[in-house]
Amino acid sequence: MGSSKAPPGHFTILYFASANSYTSKDSEFLPARLPLAKLFETLDEKYGGMKAKVLESCLVTINLEYVDMPENGEDGVIINEDDEVAIIPPVSSG
């Protein structure tokens, strides 16, 4: 999965497993300077119902580092231009 560089003022978001299935995309670019606390809300607005069906059980990385999603009211991390964010749902094996 080769992702190209985000255009100016944007970051790259990568979708894995069920997030990929839900969005029908491997990746896309979103406008930068987005608080991490607003990421799931932003994706839920774009892909209706995604938060409850996919995102609430996902792990998130920014530039290959796992990050904790901020609790309500916390400012937390800001996703900046050229960052790479990955949405990683739990994977089951059988």
Protein backbone atom coordinates (compact mmCIF):
# COMPACT_ATOMS: atom_id res chain seq x y z
CA MET A 1 0.00 0.00 0.00
CA GLY A 2 2.02 2.93 -1.25
CA SER A 3 0.65 6.25 -0.12
CA SER A 4 1.70 9.36 -1.94
CA LYS A 5 2.61 12.59 -0.20
CA ALA A 6 -0.32 14.64 1.05
CA PRO A 7 -0.99 17.92 -0.76
CA PRO A 8 -0.06 21.13 1.09
CA GLY A 9 -2.23 21.70 4.15
CA HIS A 10 -3.33 18.06 4.41
CA PHE A 11 -2.44 14.82 6.18
CA THR A 12 -2.75 11.23 5.00
CA ILE A 13 -5.12 8.80 6.67
CA LEU A 14 -4.72 5.07 6.10
CA TYR A 15 -7.60 2.63 6.56
CA PHE A 16 -7.00 -1.01 7.49
CA ALA A 17 -9.29 -4.06 7.76
CA SER A 18 -12.93 -3.10 8.50
CA ALA A 19 -12.12 0.63 8.20
CA ASN A 20 -10.96 -0.05 4.64
CA SER A 21 -14.14 -2.02 3.93
CA TYR A 22 -16.35 0.70 5.44
CA THR A 23 -14.80 3.56 3.46
CA SER A 24 -13.96 1.55 0.32
CA LYS A 25 -10.58 3.30 0.42
CA ASP A 26 -7.03 2.37 1.40
CA SER A 27 -6.20 6.00 2.15
CA GLU A 28 -7.20 9.61 1.59
CA PHE A 29 -6.08 13.13 2.44
CA LEU A 30 -7.84 15.32 5.01
CA PRO A 31 -7.26 19.00 5.88
CA ALA A 32 -4.49 19.39 8.45
CA ARG A 33 -4.44 20.95 11.88
CA LEU A 34 -7.19 18.66 13.11
CA PRO A 35 -7.37 17.90 16.83
CA LEU A 36 -7.11 14.15 17.36
CA ALA A 37 -10.20 14.46 19.58
CA LYS A 38 -12.20 15.49 16.47
CA LEU A 39 -10.89 12.78 14.13
CA PHE A 40 -13.62 10.19 14.78
CA GLU A 41 -16.35 12.86 14.61
CA THR A 42 -14.96 14.10 11.28
CA LEU A 43 -14.86 10.58 9.84
CA ASP A 44 -18.35 9.81 11.17
CA GLU A 45 -19.71 12.90 9.39
CA LYS A 46 -18.04 11.81 6.16
CA TYR A 47 -18.96 8.11 6.48
CA GLY A 48 -22.25 8.01 8.39
CA GLY A 49 -22.29 5.53 11.26
CA MET A 50 -18.60 4.73 11.04
CA LYS A 51 -17.86 5.78 14.62
CA ALA A 52 -20.19 3.27 16.25
CA LYS A 53 -19.61 0.47 13.74
CA VAL A 54 -15.83 0.71 13.30
CA LEU A 55 -13.96 3.50 15.05
CA GLU A 56 -14.86 2.97 18.71
CA SER A 57 -12.84 -0.26 18.80
CA CYS A 58 -9.90 0.95 16.68
CA LEU A 59 -6.34 1.81 17.52
CA VAL A 60 -4.86 4.96 16.01
CA THR A 61 -1.28 5.78 15.06
CA ILE A 62 0.23 9.08 14.06
CA ASN A 63 3.53 8.74 12.21
CA LEU A 64 3.76 5.07 13.28
CA GLU A 65 3.32 5.88 17.01
CA TYR A 66 0.24 4.60 18.82
CA VAL A 67 -1.78 7.41 20.40
CA ASP A 68 -4.55 7.40 22.97
CA MET A 69 -7.77 9.05 21.91
CA PRO A 70 -8.45 12.01 24.22
CA GLU A 71 -11.33 11.81 26.66
CA ASN A 72 -14.19 14.31 26.37
CA GLY A 73 -13.00 17.83 26.95
CA GLU A 74 -9.28 17.07 26.58
CA ASP A 75 -7.34 19.05 24.00
CA GLY A 76 -4.82 16.35 23.24
CA VAL A 77 -2.73 15.94 20.12
CA ILE A 78 -3.09 17.97 16.92
CA ILE A 79 -2.76 16.18 13.56
CA ASN A 80 -0.48 18.37 11.44
CA GLU A 81 0.32 18.79 7.77
CA ASP A 82 2.23 15.81 6.32
CA ASP A 83 1.36 13.54 9.28
CA GLU A 84 0.34 9.97 8.52
CA VAL A 85 -2.58 8.66 10.56
CA ALA A 86 -3.61 4.99 10.54
CA ILE A 87 -6.96 3.58 11.65
CA ILE A 88 -6.35 0.02 12.83
CA PRO A 89 -9.42 -2.04 13.76
CA PRO A 90 -9.05 -5.17 15.87
CA VAL A 91 -8.26 -8.23 13.79
CA SER A 92 -9.69 -11.62 14.60
CA SER A 93 -8.27 -14.89 13.44
CA GLY A 94 -10.04 -18.13 13.11
